[in-house]
Amino acid sequence: LAELLKEKKVLLFTLRQKLKTMQLTNPNEIKEVRRDIARINTAI
């Protein structure tokens, strides 16, 4: 779970960077990753 949480946080960081540089085509991906992080934290 800790490894998965780390991967999701890195993914969230890269998605936010892509959003700022207008490279992100689907901004809903950020919402899904944030929810995944919350689920992982709940499991922990």
PDB file of all heavy atoms in Angstrom:
ATOM      1  N   LEU A   1       0.832  -1.210   0.000  1.00  0.00           N
ATOM      2  CA  LEU A   1       0.000   0.000   0.000  1.00  0.00           C
ATOM      3  C   LEU A   1       0.863   1.256   0.000  1.00  0.00           C
ATOM      4  O   LEU A   1       0.534   2.235  -0.685  1.00  0.00           O
ATOM      5  CB  LEU A   1      -0.938  -0.006   1.204  1.00  0.00           C
ATOM      6  CG  LEU A   1      -2.076  -1.012   1.167  1.00  0.00           C
ATOM      7  CD1 LEU A   1      -2.823  -1.016   2.490  1.00  0.00           C
ATOM      8  CD2 LEU A   1      -3.035  -0.729   0.025  1.00  0.00           C
ATOM      9  N   ALA A   2       1.949   1.243   0.733  1.00  0.00           N
ATOM     10  CA  ALA A   2       2.843   2.405   0.772  1.00  0.00           C
ATOM     11  C   ALA A   2       3.472   2.648  -0.594  1.00  0.00           C
ATOM     12  O   ALA A   2       3.581   3.798  -1.046  1.00  0.00           O
ATOM     13  CB  ALA A   2       3.922   2.211   1.831  1.00  0.00           C
ATOM     14  N   GLU A   3       3.871   1.586  -1.272  1.00  0.00           N
ATOM     15  CA  GLU A   3       4.455   1.714  -2.607  1.00  0.00           C
ATOM     16  C   GLU A   3       3.416   2.235  -3.603  1.00  0.00           C
ATOM     17  O   GLU A   3       3.707   3.102  -4.428  1.00  0.00           O
ATOM     18  CB  GLU A   3       5.008   0.361  -3.062  1.00  0.00           C
ATOM     19  CG  GLU A   3       5.668   0.397  -4.412  1.00  0.00           C
ATOM     20  CD  GLU A   3       6.916   1.257  -4.444  1.00  0.00           C
ATOM     21  OE1 GLU A   3       7.593   1.372  -3.411  1.00  0.00           O
ATOM     22  OE2 GLU A   3       7.214   1.817  -5.514  1.00  0.00           O
ATOM     23  N   LEU A   4       2.203   1.722  -3.505  1.00  0.00           N
ATOM     24  CA  LEU A   4       1.130   2.166  -4.393  1.00  0.00           C
ATOM     25  C   LEU A   4       0.795   3.633  -4.146  1.00  0.00           C
ATOM     26  O   LEU A   4       0.553   4.391  -5.091  1.00  0.00           O
ATOM     27  CB  LEU A   4      -0.105   1.284  -4.176  1.00  0.00           C
ATOM     28  CG  LEU A   4      -1.232   1.364  -5.178  1.00  0.00           C
ATOM     29  CD1 LEU A   4      -0.736   1.037  -6.586  1.00  0.00           C
ATOM     30  CD2 LEU A   4      -2.352   0.425  -4.786  1.00  0.00           C
ATOM     31  N   LEU A   5       0.805   4.042  -2.881  1.00  0.00           N
ATOM     32  CA  LEU A   5       0.541   5.433  -2.535  1.00  0.00           C
ATOM     33  C   LEU A   5       1.608   6.347  -3.126  1.00  0.00           C
ATOM     34  O   LEU A   5       1.293   7.414  -3.677  1.00  0.00           O
ATOM     35  CB  LEU A   5       0.480   5.591  -1.015  1.00  0.00           C
ATOM     36  CG  LEU A   5       0.183   6.981  -0.482  1.00  0.00           C
ATOM     37  CD1 LEU A   5      -1.198   7.440  -0.901  1.00  0.00           C
ATOM     38  CD2 LEU A   5       0.316   6.994   1.026  1.00  0.00           C
ATOM     39  N   LYS A   6       2.847   5.925  -3.042  1.00  0.00           N
ATOM     40  CA  LYS A   6       3.953   6.715  -3.601  1.00  0.00           C
ATOM     41  C   LYS A   6       3.788   6.875  -5.115  1.00  0.00           C
ATOM     42  O   LYS A   6       3.965   7.965  -5.656  1.00  0.00           O
ATOM     43  CB  LYS A   6       5.276   6.040  -3.267  1.00  0.00           C
ATOM     44  CG  LYS A   6       6.480   6.788  -3.726  1.00  0.00           C
ATOM     45  CD  LYS A   6       7.750   6.070  -3.324  1.00  0.00           C
ATOM     46  CE  LYS A   6       8.963   6.771  -3.873  1.00  0.00           C
ATOM     47  NZ  LYS A   6      10.200   6.050  -3.565  1.00  0.00           N
ATOM     48  N   GLU A   7       3.434   5.785  -5.794  1.00  0.00           N
ATOM     49  CA  GLU A   7       3.242   5.841  -7.250  1.00  0.00           C
ATOM     50  C   GLU A   7       2.110   6.785  -7.628  1.00  0.00           C
ATOM     51  O   GLU A   7       2.228   7.569  -8.575  1.00  0.00           O
ATOM     52  CB  GLU A   7       2.938   4.443  -7.787  1.00  0.00           C
ATOM     53  CG  GLU A   7       4.095   3.487  -7.739  1.00  0.00           C
ATOM     54  CD  GLU A   7       3.693   2.081  -8.124  1.00  0.00           C
ATOM     55  OE1 GLU A   7       2.547   1.874  -8.582  1.00  0.00           O
ATOM     56  OE2 GLU A   7       4.527   1.175  -7.964  1.00  0.00           O
ATOM     57  N   LYS A   8       1.019   6.734  -6.871  1.00  0.00           N
ATOM     58  CA  LYS A   8      -0.133   7.586  -7.181  1.00  0.00           C
ATOM     59  C   LYS A   8       0.178   9.052  -6.932  1.00  0.00           C
ATOM     60  O   LYS A   8      -0.275   9.928  -7.669  1.00  0.00           O
ATOM     61  CB  LYS A   8      -1.360   7.161  -6.359  1.00  0.00           C
ATOM     62  CG  LYS A   8      -1.933   5.832  -6.766  1.00  0.00           C
ATOM     63  CD  LYS A   8      -2.562   5.882  -8.125  1.00  0.00           C
ATOM     64  CE  LYS A   8      -3.164   4.552  -8.490  1.00  0.00           C
ATOM     65  NZ  LYS A   8      -3.857   4.571  -9.769  1.00  0.00           N
ATOM     66  N   LYS A   9       0.971   9.341  -5.911  1.00  0.00           N
ATOM     67  CA  LYS A   9       1.327  10.730  -5.640  1.00  0.00           C
ATOM     68  C   LYS A   9       2.228  11.290  -6.728  1.00  0.00           C
ATOM     69  O   LYS A   9       2.085  12.448  -7.126  1.00  0.00           O
ATOM     70  CB  LYS A   9       1.992  10.858  -4.266  1.00  0.00           C
ATOM     71  CG  LYS A   9       0.991  10.766  -3.133  1.00  0.00           C
ATOM     72  CD  LYS A   9       1.635  11.061  -1.803  1.00  0.00           C
ATOM     73  CE  LYS A   9       0.599  11.072  -0.702  1.00  0.00           C
ATOM     74  NZ  LYS A   9       1.167  11.437   0.587  1.00  0.00           N
ATOM     75  N   VAL A  10       3.131  10.463  -7.234  1.00  0.00           N
ATOM     76  CA  VAL A  10       3.985  10.896  -8.342  1.00  0.00           C
ATOM     77  C   VAL A  10       3.133  11.116  -9.589  1.00  0.00           C
ATOM     78  O   VAL A  10       3.316  12.099 -10.325  1.00  0.00           O
ATOM     79  CB  VAL A  10       5.106   9.864  -8.600  1.00  0.00           C
ATOM     80  CG1 VAL A  10       5.828  10.145  -9.896  1.00  0.00           C
ATOM     81  CG2 VAL A  10       6.073   9.846  -7.439  1.00  0.00           C
ATOM     82  N   LEU A  11       2.180  10.227  -9.824  1.00  0.00           N
ATOM     83  CA  LEU A  11       1.280  10.369 -10.967  1.00  0.00           C
ATOM     84  C   LEU A  11       0.461  11.654 -10.859  1.00  0.00           C
ATOM     85  O   LEU A  11       0.293  12.379 -11.846  1.00  0.00           O
ATOM     86  CB  LEU A  11       0.363   9.154 -11.076  1.00  0.00           C
ATOM     87  CG  LEU A  11      -0.666   9.181 -12.196  1.00  0.00           C
ATOM     88  CD1 LEU A  11       0.001   9.243 -13.559  1.00  0.00           C
ATOM     89  CD2 LEU A  11      -1.579   7.977 -12.098  1.00  0.00           C
ATOM     90  N   LEU A  12      -0.030  11.953  -9.658  1.00  0.00           N
ATOM     91  CA  LEU A  12      -0.793  13.180  -9.449  1.00  0.00           C
ATOM     92  C   LEU A  12       0.070  14.408  -9.736  1.00  0.00           C
ATOM     93  O   LEU A  12      -0.393  15.365 -10.365  1.00  0.00           O
ATOM     94  CB  LEU A  12      -1.326  13.225  -8.016  1.00  0.00           C
ATOM     95  CG  LEU A  12      -2.164  14.434  -7.648  1.00  0.00           C
ATOM     96  CD1 LEU A  12      -3.427  14.503  -8.487  1.00  0.00           C
ATOM     97  CD2 LEU A  12      -2.502  14.408  -6.175  1.00  0.00           C
ATOM     98  N   PHE A  13       1.318  14.377  -9.305  1.00  0.00           N
ATOM     99  CA  PHE A  13       2.229  15.493  -9.562  1.00  0.00           C
ATOM    100  C   PHE A  13       2.417  15.701 -11.064  1.00  0.00           C
ATOM    101  O   PHE A  13       2.345  16.832 -11.559  1.00  0.00           O
ATOM    102  CB  PHE A  13       3.576  15.236  -8.879  1.00  0.00           C
ATOM    103  CG  PHE A  13       4.584  16.307  -9.130  1.00  0.00           C
ATOM    104  CD1 PHE A  13       4.517  17.514  -8.467  1.00  0.00           C
ATOM    105  CD2 PHE A  13       5.595  16.115 -10.056  1.00  0.00           C
ATOM    106  CE1 PHE A  13       5.449  18.516  -8.705  1.00  0.00           C
ATOM    107  CE2 PHE A  13       6.529  17.103 -10.294  1.00  0.00           C
ATOM    108  CZ  PHE A  13       6.458  18.295  -9.623  1.00  0.00           C
ATOM    109  N   THR A  14       2.646  14.614 -11.797  1.00  0.00           N
ATOM    110  CA  THR A  14       2.859  14.747 -13.244  1.00  0.00           C
ATOM    111  C   THR A  14       1.593  15.213 -13.957  1.00  0.00           C
ATOM    112  O   THR A  14       1.672  16.002 -14.901  1.00  0.00           O
ATOM    113  CB  THR A  14       3.350  13.433 -13.861  1.00  0.00           C
ATOM    114  OG1 THR A  14       2.406  12.405 -13.592  1.00  0.00           O
ATOM    115  CG2 THR A  14       4.701  13.054 -13.325  1.00  0.00           C
ATOM    116  N   LEU A  15       0.435  14.751 -13.495  1.00  0.00           N
ATOM    117  CA  LEU A  15      -0.816  15.199 -14.109  1.00  0.00           C
ATOM    118  C   LEU A  15      -1.036  16.690 -13.883  1.00  0.00           C
ATOM    119  O   LEU A  15      -1.495  17.404 -14.776  1.00  0.00           O
ATOM    120  CB  LEU A  15      -1.999  14.404 -13.564  1.00  0.00           C
ATOM    121  CG  LEU A  15      -2.123  12.966 -14.045  1.00  0.00           C
ATOM    122  CD1 LEU A  15      -3.269  12.270 -13.327  1.00  0.00           C
ATOM    123  CD2 LEU A  15      -2.333  12.903 -15.542  1.00  0.00           C
ATOM    124  N   ARG A  16      -0.697  17.171 -12.685  1.00  0.00           N
ATOM    125  CA  ARG A  16      -0.853  18.601 -12.405  1.00  0.00           C
ATOM    126  C   ARG A  16       0.104  19.434 -13.253  1.00  0.00           C
ATOM    127  O   ARG A  16      -0.251  20.529 -13.703  1.00  0.00           O
ATOM    128  CB  ARG A  16      -0.630  18.871 -10.927  1.00  0.00           C
ATOM    129  CG  ARG A  16      -1.807  18.450 -10.088  1.00  0.00           C
ATOM    130  CD  ARG A  16      -1.604  18.784  -8.646  1.00  0.00           C
ATOM    131  NE  ARG A  16      -2.807  18.482  -7.883  1.00  0.00           N
ATOM    132  CZ  ARG A  16      -2.824  18.299  -6.580  1.00  0.00           C
ATOM    133  NH1 ARG A  16      -1.704  18.398  -5.887  1.00  0.00           N
ATOM    134  NH2 ARG A  16      -3.937  18.030  -5.956  1.00  0.00           N
ATOM    135  N   GLN A  17       1.304  18.915 -13.479  1.00  0.00           N
ATOM    136  CA  GLN A  17       2.250  19.627 -14.332  1.00  0.00           C
ATOM    137  C   GLN A  17       1.748  19.670 -15.766  1.00  0.00           C
ATOM    138  O   GLN A  17       1.877  20.689 -16.449  1.00  0.00           O
ATOM    139  CB  GLN A  17       3.631  18.963 -14.276  1.00  0.00           C
ATOM    140  CG  GLN A  17       4.301  19.074 -12.934  1.00  0.00           C
ATOM    141  CD  GLN A  17       4.494  20.511 -12.512  1.00  0.00           C
ATOM    142  OE1 GLN A  17       4.888  21.357 -13.297  1.00  0.00           O
ATOM    143  NE2 GLN A  17       4.191  20.799 -11.265  1.00  0.00           N
ATOM    144  N   LYS A  18       1.190  18.573 -16.240  1.00  0.00           N
ATOM    145  CA  LYS A  18       0.635  18.545 -17.597  1.00  0.00           C
ATOM    146  C   LYS A  18      -0.545  19.493 -17.730  1.00  0.00           C
ATOM    147  O   LYS A  18      -0.741  20.114 -18.773  1.00  0.00           O
ATOM    148  CB  LYS A  18       0.201  17.126 -17.963  1.00  0.00           C
ATOM    149  CG  LYS A  18       1.341  16.208 -18.284  1.00  0.00           C
ATOM    150  CD  LYS A  18       0.833  14.853 -18.718  1.00  0.00           C
ATOM    151  CE  LYS A  18       1.970  13.922 -19.045  1.00  0.00           C
ATOM    152  NZ  LYS A  18       1.472  12.607 -19.500  1.00  0.00           N
ATOM    153  N   LEU A  19      -1.339  19.619 -16.666  1.00  0.00           N
ATOM    154  CA  LEU A  19      -2.475  20.536 -16.695  1.00  0.00           C
ATOM    155  C   LEU A  19      -1.999  21.981 -16.828  1.00  0.00           C
ATOM    156  O   LEU A  19      -2.575  22.757 -17.591  1.00  0.00           O
ATOM    157  CB  LEU A  19      -3.311  20.366 -15.426  1.00  0.00           C
ATOM    158  CG  LEU A  19      -4.570  21.210 -15.313  1.00  0.00           C
ATOM    159  CD1 LEU A  19      -5.585  20.787 -16.360  1.00  0.00           C
ATOM    160  CD2 LEU A  19      -5.164  21.111 -13.930  1.00  0.00           C
ATOM    161  N   LYS A  20      -0.939  22.314 -16.113  1.00  0.00           N
ATOM    162  CA  LYS A  20      -0.419  23.684 -16.172  1.00  0.00           C
ATOM    163  C   LYS A  20       0.184  24.019 -17.528  1.00  0.00           C
ATOM    164  O   LYS A  20       0.141  25.168 -17.947  1.00  0.00           O
ATOM    165  CB  LYS A  20       0.630  23.889 -15.078  1.00  0.00           C
ATOM    166  CG  LYS A  20       0.084  23.739 -13.699  1.00  0.00           C
ATOM    167  CD  LYS A  20       0.397  24.938 -12.879  1.00  0.00           C
ATOM    168  CE  LYS A  20      -0.071  24.680 -11.470  1.00  0.00           C
ATOM    169  NZ  LYS A  20      -1.096  25.588 -11.054  1.00  0.00           N
ATOM    170  N   THR A  21       0.743  23.015 -18.190  1.00  0.00           N
ATOM    171  CA  THR A  21       1.357  23.268 -19.495  1.00  0.00           C
ATOM    172  C   THR A  21       0.413  22.962 -20.653  1.00  0.00           C
ATOM    173  O   THR A  21       0.850  22.889 -21.798  1.00  0.00           O
ATOM    174  CB  THR A  21       2.636  22.433 -19.654  1.00  0.00           C
ATOM    175  OG1 THR A  21       2.312  21.049 -19.536  1.00  0.00           O
ATOM    176  CG2 THR A  21       3.669  22.825 -18.619  1.00  0.00           C
ATOM    177  N   MET A  22      -0.851  22.746 -20.325  1.00  0.00           N
ATOM    178  CA  MET A  22      -1.913  22.510 -21.323  1.00  0.00           C
ATOM    179  C   MET A  22      -1.667  21.242 -22.152  1.00  0.00           C
ATOM    180  O   MET A  22      -2.019  21.173 -23.311  1.00  0.00           O
ATOM    181  CB  MET A  22      -2.058  23.715 -22.262  1.00  0.00           C
ATOM    182  CG  MET A  22      -2.370  25.015 -21.561  1.00  0.00           C
ATOM    183  SD  MET A  22      -3.950  25.015 -20.736  1.00  0.00           S
ATOM    184  CE  MET A  22      -5.040  25.105 -22.113  1.00  0.00           C
ATOM    185  N   GLN A  23      -1.059  20.221 -21.552  1.00  0.00           N
ATOM    186  CA  GLN A  23      -0.828  18.965 -22.243  1.00  0.00           C
ATOM    187  C   GLN A  23      -1.822  17.884 -21.815  1.00  0.00           C
ATOM    188  O   GLN A  23      -1.852  16.813 -22.393  1.00  0.00           O
ATOM    189  CB  GLN A  23       0.586  18.467 -21.975  1.00  0.00           C
ATOM    190  CG  GLN A  23       1.642  19.366 -22.540  1.00  0.00           C
ATOM    191  CD  GLN A  23       3.032  18.906 -22.155  1.00  0.00           C
ATOM    192  OE1 GLN A  23       3.186  17.996 -21.365  1.00  0.00           O
ATOM    193  NE2 GLN A  23       4.029  19.546 -22.728  1.00  0.00           N
ATOM    194  N   LEU A  24      -2.618  18.163 -20.810  1.00  0.00           N
ATOM    195  CA  LEU A  24      -3.562  17.180 -20.286  1.00  0.00           C
ATOM    196  C   LEU A  24      -4.859  17.257 -21.075  1.00  0.00           C
ATOM    197  O   LEU A  24      -5.487  18.318 -21.147  1.00  0.00           O
ATOM    198  CB  LEU A  24      -3.817  17.436 -18.801  1.00  0.00           C
ATOM    199  CG  LEU A  24      -4.601  16.387 -18.049  1.00  0.00           C
ATOM    200  CD1 LEU A  24      -3.830  15.072 -18.043  1.00  0.00           C
ATOM    201  CD2 LEU A  24      -4.855  16.828 -16.628  1.00  0.00           C
ATOM    202  N   THR A  25      -5.258  16.145 -21.676  1.00  0.00           N
ATOM    203  CA  THR A  25      -6.471  16.151 -22.486  1.00  0.00           C
ATOM    204  C   THR A  25      -7.716  15.873 -21.660  1.00  0.00           C
ATOM    205  O   THR A  25      -8.798  16.344 -22.002  1.00  0.00           O
ATOM    206  CB  THR A  25      -6.378  15.093 -23.599  1.00  0.00           C
ATOM    207  OG1 THR A  25      -6.160  13.813 -23.022  1.00  0.00           O
ATOM    208  CG2 THR A  25      -5.249  15.430 -24.555  1.00  0.00           C
ATOM    209  N   ASN A  26      -7.587  15.108 -20.572  1.00  0.00           N
ATOM    210  CA  ASN A  26      -8.736  14.772 -19.743  1.00  0.00           C
ATOM    211  C   ASN A  26      -8.469  15.186 -18.298  1.00  0.00           C
ATOM    212  O   ASN A  26      -7.831  14.455 -17.543  1.00  0.00           O
ATOM    213  CB  ASN A  26      -9.014  13.265 -19.831  1.00  0.00           C
ATOM    214  CG  ASN A  26     -10.290  12.870 -19.139  1.00  0.00           C
ATOM    215  OD1 ASN A  26     -11.039  13.723 -18.680  1.00  0.00           O
ATOM    216  ND2 ASN A  26     -10.527  11.577 -19.047  1.00  0.00           N
ATOM    217  N   PRO A  27      -8.978  16.327 -17.869  1.00  0.00           N
ATOM    218  CA  PRO A  27      -8.709  16.785 -16.508  1.00  0.00           C
ATOM    219  C   PRO A  27      -9.385  15.934 -15.431  1.00  0.00           C
ATOM    220  O   PRO A  27      -9.049  16.032 -14.268  1.00  0.00           O
ATOM    221  CB  PRO A  27      -9.237  18.211 -16.480  1.00  0.00           C
ATOM    222  CG  PRO A  27      -9.910  18.453 -17.752  1.00  0.00           C
ATOM    223  CD  PRO A  27      -9.671  17.316 -18.660  1.00  0.00           C
ATOM    224  N   ASN A  28     -10.307  15.060 -15.817  1.00  0.00           N
ATOM    225  CA  ASN A  28     -10.953  14.193 -14.835  1.00  0.00           C
ATOM    226  C   ASN A  28      -9.998  13.140 -14.282  1.00  0.00           C
ATOM    227  O   ASN A  28     -10.287  12.524 -13.265  1.00  0.00           O
ATOM    228  CB  ASN A  28     -12.174  13.503 -15.448  1.00  0.00           C
ATOM    229  CG  ASN A  28     -13.304  14.469 -15.676  1.00  0.00           C
ATOM    230  OD1 ASN A  28     -13.453  15.435 -14.936  1.00  0.00           O
ATOM    231  ND2 ASN A  28     -14.098  14.224 -16.692  1.00  0.00           N
ATOM    232  N   GLU A  29      -8.874  12.940 -14.942  1.00  0.00           N
ATOM    233  CA  GLU A  29      -7.877  11.992 -14.455  1.00  0.00           C
ATOM    234  C   GLU A  29      -7.352  12.424 -13.089  1.00  0.00           C
ATOM    235  O   GLU A  29      -7.065  11.578 -12.241  1.00  0.00           O
ATOM    236  CB  GLU A  29      -6.706  11.889 -15.431  1.00  0.00           C
ATOM    237  CG  GLU A  29      -7.040  11.227 -16.738  1.00  0.00           C
ATOM    238  CD  GLU A  29      -5.845  11.203 -17.673  1.00  0.00           C
ATOM    239  OE1 GLU A  29      -4.735  10.860 -17.212  1.00  0.00           O
ATOM    240  OE2 GLU A  29      -6.020  11.529 -18.849  1.00  0.00           O
ATOM    241  N   ILE A  30      -7.237  13.714 -12.874  1.00  0.00           N
ATOM    242  CA  ILE A  30      -6.744  14.237 -11.599  1.00  0.00           C
ATOM    243  C   ILE A  30      -7.706  13.839 -10.482  1.00  0.00           C
ATOM    244  O   ILE A  30      -7.283  13.395  -9.409  1.00  0.00           O
ATOM    245  CB  ILE A  30      -6.554  15.758 -11.665  1.00  0.00           C
ATOM    246  CG1 ILE A  30      -5.419  16.089 -12.631  1.00  0.00           C
ATOM    247  CG2 ILE A  30      -6.273  16.345 -10.284  1.00  0.00           C
ATOM    248  CD1 ILE A  30      -5.211  17.555 -12.864  1.00  0.00           C
ATOM    249  N   LYS A  31      -8.980  13.958 -10.734  1.00  0.00           N
ATOM    250  CA  LYS A  31      -9.992  13.608  -9.739  1.00  0.00           C
ATOM    251  C   LYS A  31      -9.925  12.121  -9.396  1.00  0.00           C
ATOM    252  O   LYS A  31     -10.011  11.739  -8.224  1.00  0.00           O
ATOM    253  CB  LYS A  31     -11.374  13.973 -10.261  1.00  0.00           C
ATOM    254  CG  LYS A  31     -12.503  13.657  -9.304  1.00  0.00           C
ATOM    255  CD  LYS A  31     -13.819  14.217  -9.779  1.00  0.00           C
ATOM    256  CE  LYS A  31     -14.378  13.402 -10.911  1.00  0.00           C
ATOM    257  NZ  LYS A  31     -15.759  13.768 -11.267  1.00  0.00           N
ATOM    258  N   GLU A  32      -9.749  11.289 -10.394  1.00  0.00           N
ATOM    259  CA  GLU A  32      -9.683   9.847 -10.163  1.00  0.00           C
ATOM    260  C   GLU A  32      -8.449   9.469  -9.336  1.00  0.00           C
ATOM    261  O   GLU A  32      -8.526   8.634  -8.435  1.00  0.00           O
ATOM    262  CB  GLU A  32      -9.663   9.092 -11.491  1.00  0.00           C
ATOM    263  CG  GLU A  32     -10.973   9.158 -12.237  1.00  0.00           C
ATOM    264  CD  GLU A  32     -12.120   8.523 -11.470  1.00  0.00           C
ATOM    265  OE1 GLU A  32     -11.907   7.462 -10.850  1.00  0.00           O
ATOM    266  OE2 GLU A  32     -13.222   9.098 -11.478  1.00  0.00           O
ATOM    267  N   VAL A  33      -7.317  10.088  -9.630  1.00  0.00           N
ATOM    268  CA  VAL A  33      -6.081   9.786  -8.892  1.00  0.00           C
ATOM    269  C   VAL A  33      -6.208  10.253  -7.455  1.00  0.00           C
ATOM    270  O   VAL A  33      -5.777   9.560  -6.522  1.00  0.00           O
ATOM    271  CB  VAL A  33      -4.857  10.414  -9.589  1.00  0.00           C
ATOM    272  CG1 VAL A  33      -3.606  10.273  -8.744  1.00  0.00           C
ATOM    273  CG2 VAL A  33      -4.644   9.775 -10.942  1.00  0.00           C
ATOM    274  N   ARG A  34      -6.825  11.412  -7.236  1.00  0.00           N
ATOM    275  CA  ARG A  34      -7.020  11.907  -5.877  1.00  0.00           C
ATOM    276  C   ARG A  34      -7.911  10.959  -5.079  1.00  0.00           C
ATOM    277  O   ARG A  34      -7.669  10.700  -3.898  1.00  0.00           O
ATOM    278  CB  ARG A  34      -7.636  13.304  -5.899  1.00  0.00           C
ATOM    279  CG  ARG A  34      -6.649  14.367  -6.315  1.00  0.00           C
ATOM    280  CD  ARG A  34      -7.245  15.755  -6.340  1.00  0.00           C
ATOM    281  NE  ARG A  34      -7.725  16.138  -5.029  1.00  0.00           N
ATOM    282  CZ  ARG A  34      -8.905  16.712  -4.798  1.00  0.00           C
ATOM    283  NH1 ARG A  34      -9.731  16.967  -5.789  1.00  0.00           N
ATOM    284  NH2 ARG A  34      -9.269  17.032  -3.583  1.00  0.00           N
ATOM    285  N   ARG A  35      -8.925  10.429  -5.718  1.00  0.00           N
ATOM    286  CA  ARG A  35      -9.802   9.477  -5.045  1.00  0.00           C
ATOM    287  C   ARG A  35      -9.078   8.166  -4.750  1.00  0.00           C
ATOM    288  O   ARG A  35      -9.306   7.549  -3.710  1.00  0.00           O
ATOM    289  CB  ARG A  35     -11.052   9.226  -5.875  1.00  0.00           C
ATOM    290  CG  ARG A  35     -11.981  10.419  -5.856  1.00  0.00           C
ATOM    291  CD  ARG A  35     -13.236  10.150  -6.610  1.00  0.00           C
ATOM    292  NE  ARG A  35     -14.110  11.318  -6.525  1.00  0.00           N
ATOM    293  CZ  ARG A  35     -15.286  11.412  -7.106  1.00  0.00           C
ATOM    294  NH1 ARG A  35     -15.736  10.406  -7.837  1.00  0.00           N
ATOM    295  NH2 ARG A  35     -16.008  12.497  -6.980  1.00  0.00           N
ATOM    296  N   ASP A  36      -8.217   7.735  -5.663  1.00  0.00           N
ATOM    297  CA  ASP A  36      -7.431   6.528  -5.427  1.00  0.00           C
ATOM    298  C   ASP A  36      -6.507   6.718  -4.222  1.00  0.00           C
ATOM    299  O   ASP A  36      -6.353   5.815  -3.398  1.00  0.00           O
ATOM    300  CB  ASP A  36      -6.605   6.161  -6.661  1.00  0.00           C
ATOM    301  CG  ASP A  36      -7.450   5.578  -7.777  1.00  0.00           C
ATOM    302  OD1 ASP A  36      -8.597   5.156  -7.519  1.00  0.00           O
ATOM    303  OD2 ASP A  36      -6.939   5.537  -8.923  1.00  0.00           O
ATOM    304  N   ILE A  37      -5.904   7.903  -4.118  1.00  0.00           N
ATOM    305  CA  ILE A  37      -5.035   8.199  -2.985  1.00  0.00           C
ATOM    306  C   ILE A  37      -5.831   8.143  -1.683  1.00  0.00           C
ATOM    307  O   ILE A  37      -5.368   7.586  -0.681  1.00  0.00           O
ATOM    308  CB  ILE A  37      -4.340   9.568  -3.171  1.00  0.00           C
ATOM    309  CG1 ILE A  37      -3.311   9.479  -4.298  1.00  0.00           C
ATOM    310  CG2 ILE A  37      -3.684  10.041  -1.874  1.00  0.00           C
ATOM    311  CD1 ILE A  37      -2.708  10.802  -4.695  1.00  0.00           C
ATOM    312  N   ALA A  38      -7.031   8.674  -1.701  1.00  0.00           N
ATOM    313  CA  ALA A  38      -7.880   8.637  -0.505  1.00  0.00           C
ATOM    314  C   ALA A  38      -8.248   7.207  -0.135  1.00  0.00           C
ATOM    315  O   ALA A  38      -8.258   6.841   1.050  1.00  0.00           O
ATOM    316  CB  ALA A  38      -9.135   9.471  -0.738  1.00  0.00           C
ATOM    317  N   ARG A  39      -8.521   6.379  -1.131  1.00  0.00           N
ATOM    318  CA  ARG A  39      -8.843   4.979  -0.861  1.00  0.00           C
ATOM    319  C   ARG A  39      -7.646   4.244  -0.249  1.00  0.00           C
ATOM    320  O   ARG A  39      -7.805   3.431   0.668  1.00  0.00           O
ATOM    321  CB  ARG A  39      -9.275   4.282  -2.148  1.00  0.00           C
ATOM    322  CG  ARG A  39     -10.656   4.667  -2.595  1.00  0.00           C
ATOM    323  CD  ARG A  39     -11.079   3.855  -3.812  1.00  0.00           C
ATOM    324  NE  ARG A  39     -12.325   4.379  -4.339  1.00  0.00           N
ATOM    325  CZ  ARG A  39     -12.443   5.067  -5.477  1.00  0.00           C
ATOM    326  NH1 ARG A  39     -11.367   5.281  -6.219  1.00  0.00           N
ATOM    327  NH2 ARG A  39     -13.603   5.502  -5.876  1.00  0.00           N
ATOM    328  N   ILE A  40      -6.462   4.522  -0.769  1.00  0.00           N
ATOM    329  CA  ILE A  40      -5.254   3.887  -0.235  1.00  0.00           C
ATOM    330  C   ILE A  40      -5.014   4.322   1.200  1.00  0.00           C
ATOM    331  O   ILE A  40      -4.698   3.503   2.075  1.00  0.00           O
ATOM    332  CB  ILE A  40      -4.040   4.200  -1.129  1.00  0.00           C
ATOM    333  CG1 ILE A  40      -4.220   3.568  -2.511  1.00  0.00           C
ATOM    334  CG2 ILE A  40      -2.752   3.709  -0.487  1.00  0.00           C
ATOM    335  CD1 ILE A  40      -3.240   4.053  -3.551  1.00  0.00           C
ATOM    336  N   ASN A  41      -5.193   5.614   1.472  1.00  0.00           N
ATOM    337  CA  ASN A  41      -5.026   6.109   2.840  1.00  0.00           C
ATOM    338  C   ASN A  41      -6.046   5.482   3.783  1.00  0.00           C
ATOM    339  O   ASN A  41      -5.731   5.181   4.942  1.00  0.00           O
ATOM    340  CB  ASN A  41      -5.134   7.629   2.883  1.00  0.00           C
ATOM    341  CG  ASN A  41      -3.886   8.305   2.389  1.00  0.00           C
ATOM    342  OD1 ASN A  41      -2.797   7.779   2.527  1.00  0.00           O
ATOM    343  ND2 ASN A  41      -4.039   9.477   1.802  1.00  0.00           N
ATOM    344  N   THR A  42      -7.256   5.261   3.312  1.00  0.00           N
ATOM    345  CA  THR A  42      -8.281   4.606   4.123  1.00  0.00           C
ATOM    346  C   THR A  42      -7.877   3.172   4.432  1.00  0.00           C
ATOM    347  O   THR A  42      -8.036   2.701   5.559  1.00  0.00           O
ATOM    348  CB  THR A  42      -9.637   4.631   3.391  1.00  0.00           C
ATOM    349  OG1 THR A  42      -9.996   5.993   3.131  1.00  0.00           O
ATOM    350  CG2 THR A  42     -10.716   3.964   4.209  1.00  0.00           C
ATOM    351  N   ALA A  43      -7.348   2.468   3.441  1.00  0.00           N
ATOM    352  CA  ALA A  43      -6.916   1.082   3.656  1.00  0.00           C
ATOM    353  C   ALA A  43      -5.756   1.026   4.650  1.00  0.00           C
ATOM    354  O   ALA A  43      -5.703   0.117   5.484  1.00  0.00           O
ATOM    355  CB  ALA A  43      -6.515   0.450   2.321  1.00  0.00           C
ATOM    356  N   ILE A  44      -4.844   1.989   4.563  1.00  0.00           N
ATOM    357  CA  ILE A  44      -3.708   2.016   5.496  1.00  0.00           C
ATOM    358  C   ILE A  44      -4.194   2.269   6.917  1.00  0.00           C
ATOM    359  O   ILE A  44      -3.765   1.596   7.868  1.00  0.00           O
ATOM    360  CB  ILE A  44      -2.673   3.078   5.061  1.00  0.00           C
ATOM    361  CG1 ILE A  44      -1.982   2.629   3.780  1.00  0.00           C
ATOM    362  CG2 ILE A  44      -1.654   3.342   6.151  1.00  0.00           C
ATOM    363  CD1 ILE A  44      -1.092   3.681   3.147  1.00  0.00           C
TER     364      ILE A  44
END
